[in-house]
Amino acid sequence: MVSNFVESGKLPVRMPIYIAIVALARYLILDMKGMDSWRIAAIAAATLVLAATVIVIRWGHIKLPYEKHTEPEE
């Protein structure tokens, strides 16, 4: 991700959010038997918040795209 940022000048924030969503889903699936209902609801709410964040970021990329960087002519 650092090399992608250095090369393109764009910060990839969606990929870590996707990873966090998958991690929360795995945690929920694997440890569901030992959790109480409030913890399950909290993890589900956190997953929904992260998903909403991805939707907002994608909407921002569509409606407010990055400026095109042009190389200065020499």
PDB file of N, CA and C in Angstrom:
ATOM      1  N   MET A   1       0.826  -1.187   0.000  1.00  0.00           N
ATOM      2  CA  MET A   1       0.000   0.000   0.000  1.00  0.00           C
ATOM      3  C   MET A   1       0.869   1.248   0.000  1.00  0.00           C
ATOM      4  N   VAL A   2       2.012   1.186   0.645  1.00  0.00           N
ATOM      5  CA  VAL A   2       2.891   2.354   0.667  1.00  0.00           C
ATOM      6  C   VAL A   2       3.451   2.613  -0.717  1.00  0.00           C
ATOM      7  N   SER A   3       3.859   1.566  -1.413  1.00  0.00           N
ATOM      8  CA  SER A   3       4.393   1.756  -2.764  1.00  0.00           C
ATOM      9  C   SER A   3       3.305   2.247  -3.709  1.00  0.00           C
ATOM     10  N   ASN A   4       2.087   1.790  -3.530  1.00  0.00           N
ATOM     11  CA  ASN A   4       0.971   2.273  -4.341  1.00  0.00           C
ATOM     12  C   ASN A   4       0.751   3.761  -4.105  1.00  0.00           C
ATOM     13  N   PHE A   5       0.856   4.205  -2.856  1.00  0.00           N
ATOM     14  CA  PHE A   5       0.687   5.617  -2.543  1.00  0.00           C
ATOM     15  C   PHE A   5       1.809   6.452  -3.144  1.00  0.00           C
ATOM     16  N   VAL A   6       3.034   5.954  -3.062  1.00  0.00           N
ATOM     17  CA  VAL A   6       4.172   6.708  -3.586  1.00  0.00           C
ATOM     18  C   VAL A   6       4.076   6.831  -5.105  1.00  0.00           C
ATOM     19  N   GLU A   7       3.668   5.762  -5.773  1.00  0.00           N
ATOM     20  CA  GLU A   7       3.592   5.788  -7.234  1.00  0.00           C
ATOM     21  C   GLU A   7       2.426   6.622  -7.746  1.00  0.00           C
ATOM     22  N   SER A   8       1.266   6.507  -7.128  1.00  0.00           N
ATOM     23  CA  SER A   8       0.089   7.162  -7.683  1.00  0.00           C
ATOM     24  C   SER A   8      -0.319   8.440  -6.945  1.00  0.00           C
ATOM     25  N   GLY A   9       0.121   8.612  -5.715  1.00  0.00           N
ATOM     26  CA  GLY A   9      -0.285   9.765  -4.933  1.00  0.00           C
ATOM     27  C   GLY A   9      -1.675   9.623  -4.342  1.00  0.00           C
ATOM     28  N   LYS A  10      -2.270   8.455  -4.452  1.00  0.00           N
ATOM     29  CA  LYS A  10      -3.604   8.194  -3.908  1.00  0.00           C
ATOM     30  C   LYS A  10      -3.474   7.249  -2.719  1.00  0.00           C
ATOM     31  N   LEU A  11      -4.201   7.533  -1.674  1.00  0.00           N
ATOM     32  CA  LEU A  11      -4.142   6.711  -0.477  1.00  0.00           C
ATOM     33  C   LEU A  11      -5.227   5.645  -0.524  1.00  0.00           C
ATOM     34  N   PRO A  12      -4.853   4.359  -0.567  1.00  0.00           N
ATOM     35  CA  PRO A  12      -5.862   3.289  -0.639  1.00  0.00           C
ATOM     36  C   PRO A  12      -6.440   2.981   0.744  1.00  0.00           C
ATOM     37  N   VAL A  13      -7.564   3.574   1.074  1.00  0.00           N
ATOM     38  CA  VAL A  13      -8.167   3.347   2.384  1.00  0.00           C
ATOM     39  C   VAL A  13      -9.224   2.263   2.373  1.00  0.00           C
ATOM     40  N   ARG A  14      -9.739   1.939   1.208  1.00  0.00           N
ATOM     41  CA  ARG A  14     -10.809   0.932   1.168  1.00  0.00           C
ATOM     42  C   ARG A  14     -10.303  -0.458   1.484  1.00  0.00           C
ATOM     43  N   MET A  15      -9.102  -0.798   1.055  1.00  0.00           N
ATOM     44  CA  MET A  15      -8.598  -2.156   1.282  1.00  0.00           C
ATOM     45  C   MET A  15      -8.479  -2.507   2.770  1.00  0.00           C
ATOM     46  N   PRO A  16      -7.905  -1.648   3.624  1.00  0.00           N
ATOM     47  CA  PRO A  16      -7.894  -2.001   5.054  1.00  0.00           C
ATOM     48  C   PRO A  16      -9.299  -2.098   5.656  1.00  0.00           C
ATOM     49  N   ILE A  17     -10.239  -1.318   5.135  1.00  0.00           N
ATOM     50  CA  ILE A  17     -11.615  -1.415   5.635  1.00  0.00           C
ATOM     51  C   ILE A  17     -12.218  -2.753   5.229  1.00  0.00           C
ATOM     52  N   TYR A  18     -11.963  -3.192   3.998  1.00  0.00           N
ATOM     53  CA  TYR A  18     -12.430  -4.519   3.574  1.00  0.00           C
ATOM     54  C   TYR A  18     -11.830  -5.605   4.461  1.00  0.00           C
ATOM     55  N   ILE A  19     -10.548  -5.480   4.776  1.00  0.00           N
ATOM     56  CA  ILE A  19      -9.884  -6.465   5.631  1.00  0.00           C
ATOM     57  C   ILE A  19     -10.518  -6.473   7.022  1.00  0.00           C
ATOM     58  N   ALA A  20     -10.852  -5.285   7.541  1.00  0.00           N
ATOM     59  CA  ALA A  20     -11.484  -5.209   8.859  1.00  0.00           C
ATOM     60  C   ALA A  20     -12.874  -5.841   8.848  1.00  0.00           C
ATOM     61  N   ILE A  21     -13.623  -5.654   7.769  1.00  0.00           N
ATOM     62  CA  ILE A  21     -14.954  -6.262   7.665  1.00  0.00           C
ATOM     63  C   ILE A  21     -14.845  -7.781   7.669  1.00  0.00           C
ATOM     64  N   VAL A  22     -13.900  -8.304   6.908  1.00  0.00           N
ATOM     65  CA  VAL A  22     -13.703  -9.761   6.860  1.00  0.00           C
ATOM     66  C   VAL A  22     -13.244 -10.280   8.222  1.00  0.00           C
ATOM     67  N   ALA A  23     -12.366  -9.539   8.905  1.00  0.00           N
ATOM     68  CA  ALA A  23     -11.895  -9.969  10.225  1.00  0.00           C
ATOM     69  C   ALA A  23     -13.046 -10.002  11.233  1.00  0.00           C
ATOM     70  N   LEU A  24     -13.901  -8.999  11.199  1.00  0.00           N
ATOM     71  CA  LEU A  24     -15.052  -9.004  12.107  1.00  0.00           C
ATOM     72  C   LEU A  24     -16.015 -10.136  11.789  1.00  0.00           C
ATOM     73  N   ALA A  25     -16.215 -10.411  10.514  1.00  0.00           N
ATOM     74  CA  ALA A  25     -17.105 -11.506  10.133  1.00  0.00           C
ATOM     75  C   ALA A  25     -16.533 -12.846  10.592  1.00  0.00           C
ATOM     76  N   ARG A  26     -15.227 -13.037  10.420  1.00  0.00           N
ATOM     77  CA  ARG A  26     -14.609 -14.288  10.877  1.00  0.00           C
ATOM     78  C   ARG A  26     -14.704 -14.425  12.389  1.00  0.00           C
ATOM     79  N   TYR A  27     -14.463 -13.333  13.093  1.00  0.00           N
ATOM     80  CA  TYR A  27     -14.564 -13.355  14.560  1.00  0.00           C
ATOM     81  C   TYR A  27     -15.980 -13.714  14.993  1.00  0.00           C
ATOM     82  N   LEU A  28     -16.953 -13.137  14.320  1.00  0.00           N
ATOM     83  CA  LEU A  28     -18.346 -13.411  14.652  1.00  0.00           C
ATOM     84  C   LEU A  28     -18.706 -14.871  14.377  1.00  0.00           C
ATOM     85  N   ILE A  29     -18.255 -15.389  13.255  1.00  0.00           N
ATOM     86  CA  ILE A  29     -18.582 -16.772  12.892  1.00  0.00           C
ATOM     87  C   ILE A  29     -17.905 -17.775  13.822  1.00  0.00           C
ATOM     88  N   LEU A  30     -16.628 -17.559  14.116  1.00  0.00           N
ATOM     89  CA  LEU A  30     -15.880 -18.550  14.886  1.00  0.00           C
ATOM     90  C   LEU A  30     -16.205 -18.544  16.373  1.00  0.00           C
ATOM     91  N   ASP A  31     -16.517 -17.384  16.948  1.00  0.00           N
ATOM     92  CA  ASP A  31     -16.732 -17.311  18.387  1.00  0.00           C
ATOM     93  C   ASP A  31     -18.177 -17.048  18.772  1.00  0.00           C
ATOM     94  N   MET A  32     -19.111 -17.371  17.920  1.00  0.00           N
ATOM     95  CA  MET A  32     -20.505 -17.043  18.189  1.00  0.00           C
ATOM     96  C   MET A  32     -21.066 -17.812  19.394  1.00  0.00           C
ATOM     97  N   LYS A  33     -20.624 -19.027  19.603  1.00  0.00           N
ATOM     98  CA  LYS A  33     -21.186 -19.826  20.697  1.00  0.00           C
ATOM     99  C   LYS A  33     -20.861 -19.255  22.070  1.00  0.00           C
ATOM    100  N   GLY A  34     -19.696 -18.648  22.200  1.00  0.00           N
ATOM    101  CA  GLY A  34     -19.281 -18.127  23.499  1.00  0.00           C
ATOM    102  C   GLY A  34     -19.653 -16.676  23.744  1.00  0.00           C
ATOM    103  N   MET A  35     -20.338 -16.045  22.823  1.00  0.00           N
ATOM    104  CA  MET A  35     -20.664 -14.621  22.959  1.00  0.00           C
ATOM    105  C   MET A  35     -22.083 -14.426  23.455  1.00  0.00           C
ATOM    106  N   ASP A  36     -22.256 -13.319  24.183  1.00  0.00           N
ATOM    107  CA  ASP A  36     -23.619 -12.958  24.551  1.00  0.00           C
ATOM    108  C   ASP A  36     -24.231 -12.129  23.415  1.00  0.00           C
ATOM    109  N   SER A  37     -25.516 -11.886  23.514  1.00  0.00           N
ATOM    110  CA  SER A  37     -26.230 -11.242  22.411  1.00  0.00           C
ATOM    111  C   SER A  37     -25.790  -9.795  22.200  1.00  0.00           C
ATOM    112  N   TRP A  38     -25.381  -9.097  23.269  1.00  0.00           N
ATOM    113  CA  TRP A  38     -24.940  -7.705  23.116  1.00  0.00           C
ATOM    114  C   TRP A  38     -23.634  -7.614  22.327  1.00  0.00           C
ATOM    115  N   ARG A  39     -22.733  -8.545  22.565  1.00  0.00           N
ATOM    116  CA  ARG A  39     -21.463  -8.532  21.830  1.00  0.00           C
ATOM    117  C   ARG A  39     -21.701  -8.856  20.354  1.00  0.00           C
ATOM    118  N   ILE A  40     -22.590  -9.785  20.066  1.00  0.00           N
ATOM    119  CA  ILE A  40     -22.926 -10.112  18.679  1.00  0.00           C
ATOM    120  C   ILE A  40     -23.532  -8.893  17.985  1.00  0.00           C
ATOM    121  N   ALA A  41     -24.425  -8.193  18.674  1.00  0.00           N
ATOM    122  CA  ALA A  41     -25.031  -6.992  18.101  1.00  0.00           C
ATOM    123  C   ALA A  41     -23.995  -5.896  17.879  1.00  0.00           C
ATOM    124  N   ALA A  42     -23.046  -5.754  18.791  1.00  0.00           N
ATOM    125  CA  ALA A  42     -22.007  -4.736  18.652  1.00  0.00           C
ATOM    126  C   ALA A  42     -21.094  -5.032  17.467  1.00  0.00           C
ATOM    127  N   ILE A  43     -20.734  -6.289  17.281  1.00  0.00           N
ATOM    128  CA  ILE A  43     -19.882  -6.653  16.146  1.00  0.00           C
ATOM    129  C   ILE A  43     -20.639  -6.469  14.836  1.00  0.00           C
ATOM    130  N   ALA A  44     -21.900  -6.828  14.820  1.00  0.00           N
ATOM    131  CA  ALA A  44     -22.706  -6.625  13.619  1.00  0.00           C
ATOM    132  C   ALA A  44     -22.853  -5.136  13.306  1.00  0.00           C
ATOM    133  N   ALA A  45     -23.038  -4.313  14.329  1.00  0.00           N
ATOM    134  CA  ALA A  45     -23.147  -2.861  14.121  1.00  0.00           C
ATOM    135  C   ALA A  45     -21.834  -2.284  13.618  1.00  0.00           C
ATOM    136  N   ALA A  46     -20.717  -2.757  14.161  1.00  0.00           N
ATOM    137  CA  ALA A  46     -19.410  -2.285  13.691  1.00  0.00           C
ATOM    138  C   ALA A  46     -19.180  -2.661  12.227  1.00  0.00           C
ATOM    139  N   THR A  47     -19.617  -3.848  11.843  1.00  0.00           N
ATOM    140  CA  THR A  47     -19.502  -4.275  10.453  1.00  0.00           C
ATOM    141  C   THR A  47     -20.354  -3.394   9.546  1.00  0.00           C
ATOM    142  N   LEU A  48     -21.552  -3.078   9.979  1.00  0.00           N
ATOM    143  CA  LEU A  48     -22.416  -2.197   9.193  1.00  0.00           C
ATOM    144  C   LEU A  48     -21.848  -0.786   9.077  1.00  0.00           C
ATOM    145  N   VAL A  49     -21.233  -0.288  10.139  1.00  0.00           N
ATOM    146  CA  VAL A  49     -20.604   1.036  10.083  1.00  0.00           C
ATOM    147  C   VAL A  49     -19.448   1.033   9.083  1.00  0.00           C
ATOM    148  N   LEU A  50     -18.634  -0.006   9.107  1.00  0.00           N
ATOM    149  CA  LEU A  50     -17.535  -0.096   8.147  1.00  0.00           C
ATOM    150  C   LEU A  50     -18.050  -0.206   6.712  1.00  0.00           C
ATOM    151  N   ALA A  51     -19.113  -0.971   6.517  1.00  0.00           N
ATOM    152  CA  ALA A  51     -19.685  -1.087   5.170  1.00  0.00           C
ATOM    153  C   ALA A  51     -20.237   0.259   4.703  1.00  0.00           C
ATOM    154  N   ALA A  52     -20.888   0.993   5.605  1.00  0.00           N
ATOM    155  CA  ALA A  52     -21.389   2.326   5.248  1.00  0.00           C
ATOM    156  C   ALA A  52     -20.237   3.270   4.921  1.00  0.00           C
ATOM    157  N   THR A  53     -19.124   3.123   5.624  1.00  0.00           N
ATOM    158  CA  THR A  53     -17.946   3.931   5.344  1.00  0.00           C
ATOM    159  C   THR A  53     -17.424   3.667   3.942  1.00  0.00           C
ATOM    160  N   VAL A  54     -17.389   2.408   3.543  1.00  0.00           N
ATOM    161  CA  VAL A  54     -16.940   2.071   2.189  1.00  0.00           C
ATOM    162  C   VAL A  54     -17.879   2.685   1.153  1.00  0.00           C
ATOM    163  N   ILE A  55     -19.166   2.629   1.405  1.00  0.00           N
ATOM    164  CA  ILE A  55     -20.133   3.210   0.464  1.00  0.00           C
ATOM    165  C   ILE A  55     -19.927   4.713   0.345  1.00  0.00           C
ATOM    166  N   VAL A  56     -19.707   5.392   1.456  1.00  0.00           N
ATOM    167  CA  VAL A  56     -19.476   6.836   1.424  1.00  0.00           C
ATOM    168  C   VAL A  56     -18.183   7.167   0.677  1.00  0.00           C
ATOM    169  N   ILE A  57     -17.141   6.394   0.911  1.00  0.00           N
ATOM    170  CA  ILE A  57     -15.871   6.636   0.216  1.00  0.00           C
ATOM    171  C   ILE A  57     -16.034   6.408  -1.280  1.00  0.00           C
ATOM    172  N   ARG A  58     -16.719   5.342  -1.662  1.00  0.00           N
ATOM    173  CA  ARG A  58     -16.942   5.087  -3.088  1.00  0.00           C
ATOM    174  C   ARG A  58     -17.772   6.190  -3.728  1.00  0.00           C
ATOM    175  N   TRP A  59     -18.798   6.668  -3.025  1.00  0.00           N
ATOM    176  CA  TRP A  59     -19.606   7.768  -3.537  1.00  0.00           C
ATOM    177  C   TRP A  59     -18.752   9.018  -3.719  1.00  0.00           C
ATOM    178  N   GLY A  60     -17.876   9.269  -2.774  1.00  0.00           N
ATOM    179  CA  GLY A  60     -16.979  10.414  -2.878  1.00  0.00           C
ATOM    180  C   GLY A  60     -16.039  10.303  -4.056  1.00  0.00           C
ATOM    181  N   HIS A  61     -15.570   9.097  -4.347  1.00  0.00           N
ATOM    182  CA  HIS A  61     -14.679   8.902  -5.492  1.00  0.00           C
ATOM    183  C   HIS A  61     -15.422   9.097  -6.811  1.00  0.00           C
ATOM    184  N   ILE A  62     -16.695   8.780  -6.838  1.00  0.00           N
ATOM    185  CA  ILE A  62     -17.467   8.950  -8.072  1.00  0.00           C
ATOM    186  C   ILE A  62     -17.850  10.415  -8.265  1.00  0.00           C
ATOM    187  N   LYS A  63     -18.350  11.049  -7.218  1.00  0.00           N
ATOM    188  CA  LYS A  63     -18.828  12.431  -7.329  1.00  0.00           C
ATOM    189  C   LYS A  63     -17.698  13.454  -7.268  1.00  0.00           C
ATOM    190  N   LEU A  64     -16.650  13.156  -6.539  1.00  0.00           N
ATOM    191  CA  LEU A  64     -15.523  14.084  -6.377  1.00  0.00           C
ATOM    192  C   LEU A  64     -14.215  13.367  -6.715  1.00  0.00           C
ATOM    193  N   PRO A  65     -13.961  13.089  -7.991  1.00  0.00           N
ATOM    194  CA  PRO A  65     -12.769  12.317  -8.345  1.00  0.00           C
ATOM    195  C   PRO A  65     -11.482  13.106  -8.095  1.00  0.00           C
ATOM    196  N   TYR A  66     -10.391  12.364  -8.051  1.00  0.00           N
ATOM    197  CA  TYR A  66      -9.081  12.990  -7.907  1.00  0.00           C
ATOM    198  C   TYR A  66      -8.794  13.858  -9.118  1.00  0.00           C
ATOM    199  N   GLU A  67      -8.015  14.899  -8.891  1.00  0.00           N
ATOM    200  CA  GLU A  67      -7.601  15.729 -10.021  1.00  0.00           C
ATOM    201  C   GLU A  67      -6.570  14.966 -10.836  1.00  0.00           C
ATOM    202  N   LYS A  68      -6.609  15.190 -12.141  1.00  0.00           N
ATOM    203  CA  LYS A  68      -5.635  14.555 -13.027  1.00  0.00           C
ATOM    204  C   LYS A  68      -4.307  15.272 -12.860  1.00  0.00           C
ATOM    205  N   HIS A  69      -3.265  14.498 -12.594  1.00  0.00           N
ATOM    206  CA  HIS A  69      -1.930  15.080 -12.483  1.00  0.00           C
ATOM    207  C   HIS A  69      -1.289  15.068 -13.859  1.00  0.00           C
ATOM    208  N   THR A  70      -0.887  16.207 -14.321  1.00  0.00           N
ATOM    209  CA  THR A  70      -0.191  16.286 -15.596  1.00  0.00           C
ATOM    210  C   THR A  70       1.267  16.580 -15.345  1.00  0.00           C
ATOM    211  N   GLU A  71       2.100  15.975 -16.140  1.00  0.00           N
ATOM    212  CA  GLU A  71       3.525  16.192 -16.038  1.00  0.00           C
ATOM    213  C   GLU A  71       3.872  17.543 -16.681  1.00  0.00           C
ATOM    214  N   PRO A  72       4.654  18.365 -16.017  1.00  0.00           N
ATOM    215  CA  PRO A  72       5.037  19.632 -16.646  1.00  0.00           C
ATOM    216  C   PRO A  72       5.965  19.386 -17.827  1.00  0.00           C
ATOM    217  N   GLU A  73       5.706  20.114 -18.880  1.00  0.00           N
ATOM    218  CA  GLU A  73       6.537  19.969 -20.082  1.00  0.00           C
ATOM    219  C   GLU A  73       7.826  20.744 -19.897  1.00  0.00           C
ATOM    220  N   GLU A  74       8.911  20.161 -20.370  1.00  0.00           N
ATOM    221  CA  GLU A  74      10.208  20.819 -20.242  1.00  0.00           C
ATOM    222  C   GLU A  74      10.655  21.420 -21.530  1.00  0.00           C
TER     223      GLU A  74
END
